[in-house]
N, C-alpha and C. Protein backbone atom coordinates (compact mmCIF):
# COMPACT_ATOMS: atom_id res chain seq x y z
N UNK A 1 4.34 -0.55 17.35
CA UNK A 1 4.15 -1.84 16.67
C UNK A 1 3.87 -2.91 17.72
N UNK A 2 2.91 -3.75 17.44
CA UNK A 2 2.56 -4.80 18.39
C UNK A 2 3.55 -5.96 18.30
N UNK A 3 3.66 -6.70 19.38
CA UNK A 3 4.53 -7.87 19.35
C UNK A 3 3.72 -9.05 18.82
N UNK A 4 4.37 -9.88 18.07
CA UNK A 4 3.70 -11.03 17.46
C UNK A 4 3.75 -12.23 18.40
N UNK A 5 2.68 -13.02 18.42
CA UNK A 5 2.69 -14.22 19.25
C UNK A 5 3.61 -15.29 18.65
N UNK A 6 4.11 -16.13 19.51
CA UNK A 6 4.92 -17.26 19.07
C UNK A 6 4.29 -18.51 19.65
N UNK A 7 3.91 -19.44 18.83
CA UNK A 7 3.95 -19.45 17.37
C UNK A 7 2.86 -18.54 16.79
N UNK A 8 2.95 -18.28 15.50
CA UNK A 8 1.97 -17.44 14.82
C UNK A 8 0.62 -18.13 14.67
N UNK A 9 0.67 -19.46 14.51
CA UNK A 9 -0.53 -20.26 14.26
C UNK A 9 -0.57 -21.38 15.29
N UNK A 10 -1.77 -21.65 15.81
CA UNK A 10 -1.93 -22.77 16.73
C UNK A 10 -3.08 -23.66 16.26
N UNK A 11 -3.02 -24.89 16.72
CA UNK A 11 -4.07 -25.86 16.41
C UNK A 11 -4.30 -26.69 17.67
N UNK A 12 -5.55 -26.74 18.09
CA UNK A 12 -5.91 -27.47 19.31
C UNK A 12 -7.17 -28.27 19.02
N UNK A 13 -7.13 -29.59 19.20
CA UNK A 13 -8.30 -30.41 18.93
C UNK A 13 -9.53 -29.98 19.73
N UNK A 14 -9.33 -29.28 20.84
CA UNK A 14 -10.44 -28.82 21.67
C UNK A 14 -11.02 -27.49 21.18
N UNK A 15 -10.35 -26.85 20.23
CA UNK A 15 -10.80 -25.56 19.71
C UNK A 15 -11.01 -25.67 18.21
N UNK A 16 -12.24 -25.47 17.79
CA UNK A 16 -12.61 -25.53 16.37
C UNK A 16 -12.15 -26.82 15.71
N UNK A 17 -12.17 -27.91 16.47
CA UNK A 17 -11.82 -29.22 15.92
C UNK A 17 -10.40 -29.34 15.41
N UNK A 18 -9.49 -28.51 15.93
CA UNK A 18 -8.09 -28.59 15.51
C UNK A 18 -7.75 -27.74 14.31
N UNK A 19 -8.70 -26.94 13.82
CA UNK A 19 -8.43 -26.05 12.69
C UNK A 19 -7.34 -25.06 13.07
N UNK A 20 -6.32 -24.88 12.24
CA UNK A 20 -5.28 -23.89 12.53
C UNK A 20 -5.87 -22.48 12.60
N UNK A 21 -5.56 -21.79 13.70
CA UNK A 21 -6.07 -20.44 13.92
C UNK A 21 -4.91 -19.49 14.20
N UNK A 22 -5.18 -18.20 14.02
CA UNK A 22 -4.22 -17.19 14.45
C UNK A 22 -4.10 -17.31 15.96
N UNK A 23 -2.89 -17.48 16.46
CA UNK A 23 -2.67 -17.63 17.90
C UNK A 23 -3.33 -16.50 18.67
N UNK A 24 -4.03 -16.87 19.74
CA UNK A 24 -4.69 -15.90 20.59
C UNK A 24 -6.08 -15.51 20.10
N UNK A 25 -6.55 -16.15 19.02
CA UNK A 25 -7.87 -15.85 18.47
C UNK A 25 -8.60 -17.17 18.18
N UNK A 26 -9.82 -17.03 17.71
CA UNK A 26 -10.56 -18.18 17.20
C UNK A 26 -10.76 -18.03 15.70
N UNK A 27 -9.90 -17.24 15.06
CA UNK A 27 -10.02 -16.96 13.62
C UNK A 27 -9.18 -17.97 12.85
N UNK A 28 -9.82 -18.82 12.04
CA UNK A 28 -9.07 -19.78 11.24
C UNK A 28 -8.19 -19.08 10.20
N UNK A 29 -6.99 -19.58 10.03
CA UNK A 29 -6.06 -19.03 9.04
C UNK A 29 -6.67 -19.14 7.64
N UNK A 30 -7.40 -20.22 7.37
CA UNK A 30 -7.97 -20.40 6.03
C UNK A 30 -8.96 -19.29 5.68
N UNK A 31 -9.52 -18.62 6.70
CA UNK A 31 -10.44 -17.52 6.44
C UNK A 31 -9.71 -16.37 5.74
N UNK A 32 -8.50 -16.08 6.16
CA UNK A 32 -7.70 -15.04 5.48
C UNK A 32 -7.43 -15.43 4.04
N UNK A 33 -7.04 -16.66 3.82
CA UNK A 33 -6.75 -17.14 2.46
C UNK A 33 -8.00 -17.04 1.60
N UNK A 34 -9.15 -17.43 2.14
CA UNK A 34 -10.40 -17.35 1.39
C UNK A 34 -10.77 -15.91 1.03
N UNK A 35 -10.55 -14.98 1.95
CA UNK A 35 -10.80 -13.56 1.66
C UNK A 35 -9.95 -13.11 0.48
N UNK A 36 -8.67 -13.43 0.54
CA UNK A 36 -7.76 -13.00 -0.51
C UNK A 36 -8.08 -13.67 -1.84
N UNK A 37 -8.41 -14.96 -1.80
CA UNK A 37 -8.79 -15.68 -3.02
C UNK A 37 -10.02 -15.06 -3.67
N UNK A 38 -10.94 -14.56 -2.86
CA UNK A 38 -12.17 -13.96 -3.38
C UNK A 38 -11.95 -12.54 -3.89
N UNK A 39 -10.72 -12.04 -3.75
CA UNK A 39 -10.41 -10.71 -4.24
C UNK A 39 -10.65 -9.59 -3.24
N UNK A 40 -10.92 -9.96 -1.99
CA UNK A 40 -11.14 -8.95 -0.96
C UNK A 40 -9.79 -8.44 -0.45
N UNK A 41 -9.71 -7.17 -0.13
CA UNK A 41 -8.45 -6.62 0.39
C UNK A 41 -8.20 -7.06 1.83
N UNK A 42 -6.94 -7.05 2.21
CA UNK A 42 -6.56 -7.40 3.57
C UNK A 42 -7.31 -6.53 4.58
N UNK A 43 -7.50 -5.25 4.26
CA UNK A 43 -8.20 -4.36 5.18
C UNK A 43 -9.62 -4.83 5.49
N UNK A 44 -10.29 -5.42 4.53
CA UNK A 44 -11.64 -5.93 4.79
C UNK A 44 -11.59 -7.09 5.79
N UNK A 45 -10.63 -8.00 5.60
CA UNK A 45 -10.45 -9.10 6.55
C UNK A 45 -10.19 -8.54 7.95
N UNK A 46 -9.30 -7.57 8.05
CA UNK A 46 -8.95 -6.99 9.35
C UNK A 46 -10.14 -6.28 9.99
N UNK A 47 -10.96 -5.63 9.18
CA UNK A 47 -12.17 -4.98 9.71
C UNK A 47 -13.16 -6.02 10.24
N UNK A 48 -13.29 -7.13 9.51
CA UNK A 48 -14.24 -8.18 9.90
C UNK A 48 -13.74 -9.03 11.07
N UNK A 49 -12.43 -9.09 11.25
CA UNK A 49 -11.82 -9.90 12.32
C UNK A 49 -10.82 -9.04 13.11
N UNK A 50 -11.33 -8.12 13.92
CA UNK A 50 -10.45 -7.19 14.61
C UNK A 50 -9.51 -7.82 15.64
N UNK A 51 -9.72 -9.09 15.98
CA UNK A 51 -8.79 -9.74 16.91
C UNK A 51 -7.47 -10.12 16.24
N UNK A 52 -7.41 -10.02 14.91
CA UNK A 52 -6.17 -10.28 14.17
C UNK A 52 -5.57 -8.93 13.79
N UNK A 53 -4.31 -8.72 14.16
CA UNK A 53 -3.64 -7.47 13.80
C UNK A 53 -3.08 -7.57 12.38
N UNK A 54 -2.84 -6.41 11.79
CA UNK A 54 -2.22 -6.37 10.46
C UNK A 54 -0.87 -7.09 10.49
N UNK A 55 -0.09 -6.83 11.53
CA UNK A 55 1.24 -7.45 11.63
C UNK A 55 1.14 -8.97 11.70
N UNK A 56 0.15 -9.46 12.44
CA UNK A 56 -0.03 -10.91 12.58
C UNK A 56 -0.44 -11.52 11.24
N UNK A 57 -1.38 -10.89 10.54
CA UNK A 57 -1.83 -11.40 9.25
C UNK A 57 -0.68 -11.42 8.24
N UNK A 58 0.09 -10.35 8.18
CA UNK A 58 1.21 -10.29 7.24
C UNK A 58 2.26 -11.33 7.60
N UNK A 59 2.53 -11.51 8.88
CA UNK A 59 3.51 -12.52 9.30
C UNK A 59 3.07 -13.92 8.90
N UNK A 60 1.78 -14.22 9.01
CA UNK A 60 1.27 -15.53 8.61
C UNK A 60 1.39 -15.69 7.09
N UNK A 61 1.10 -14.65 6.34
CA UNK A 61 1.26 -14.72 4.88
C UNK A 61 2.73 -14.92 4.50
N UNK A 62 3.62 -14.26 5.20
CA UNK A 62 5.06 -14.44 4.95
C UNK A 62 5.48 -15.87 5.28
N UNK A 63 4.95 -16.42 6.35
CA UNK A 63 5.24 -17.81 6.72
C UNK A 63 4.78 -18.75 5.61
N UNK A 64 3.59 -18.52 5.09
CA UNK A 64 3.07 -19.36 4.00
C UNK A 64 3.94 -19.20 2.75
N UNK A 65 4.34 -17.99 2.45
CA UNK A 65 5.20 -17.73 1.28
C UNK A 65 6.52 -18.48 1.41
N UNK A 66 7.14 -18.39 2.58
CA UNK A 66 8.42 -19.09 2.79
C UNK A 66 8.24 -20.60 2.65
N UNK A 67 7.13 -21.13 3.15
CA UNK A 67 6.87 -22.57 3.06
C UNK A 67 6.72 -23.00 1.60
N UNK A 68 6.16 -22.12 0.77
CA UNK A 68 5.95 -22.46 -0.63
C UNK A 68 7.19 -22.32 -1.49
N UNK A 69 8.09 -21.41 -1.12
CA UNK A 69 9.25 -21.18 -1.98
C UNK A 69 10.52 -21.86 -1.48
N UNK A 70 10.49 -22.40 -0.27
CA UNK A 70 11.66 -23.09 0.28
C UNK A 70 11.66 -24.52 -0.25
N UNK A 71 12.78 -24.89 -0.90
CA UNK A 71 12.83 -26.27 -1.43
C UNK A 71 12.78 -27.31 -0.30
N UNK A 72 12.12 -28.40 -0.58
CA UNK A 72 12.05 -29.50 0.39
C UNK A 72 13.41 -30.15 0.51
N UNK A 73 13.73 -30.60 1.70
CA UNK A 73 15.04 -31.23 1.94
C UNK A 73 15.08 -32.63 1.41
């Protein structure tokens, strides 16, 4: 199993205009969301963006899930 980067997502104004990307890649996180919204399987996203590991993609989805279900303070 590969080790996950910390943080999972980075944003740098010098890279893709500050668009949040999977750390260590130039792949925008919104690209994964768009694939899933369009009904494409995770495997297709991973095939098209081999710099993102399955573990990294799942960890980012889990992060988004926790953000959506955790009540605001």
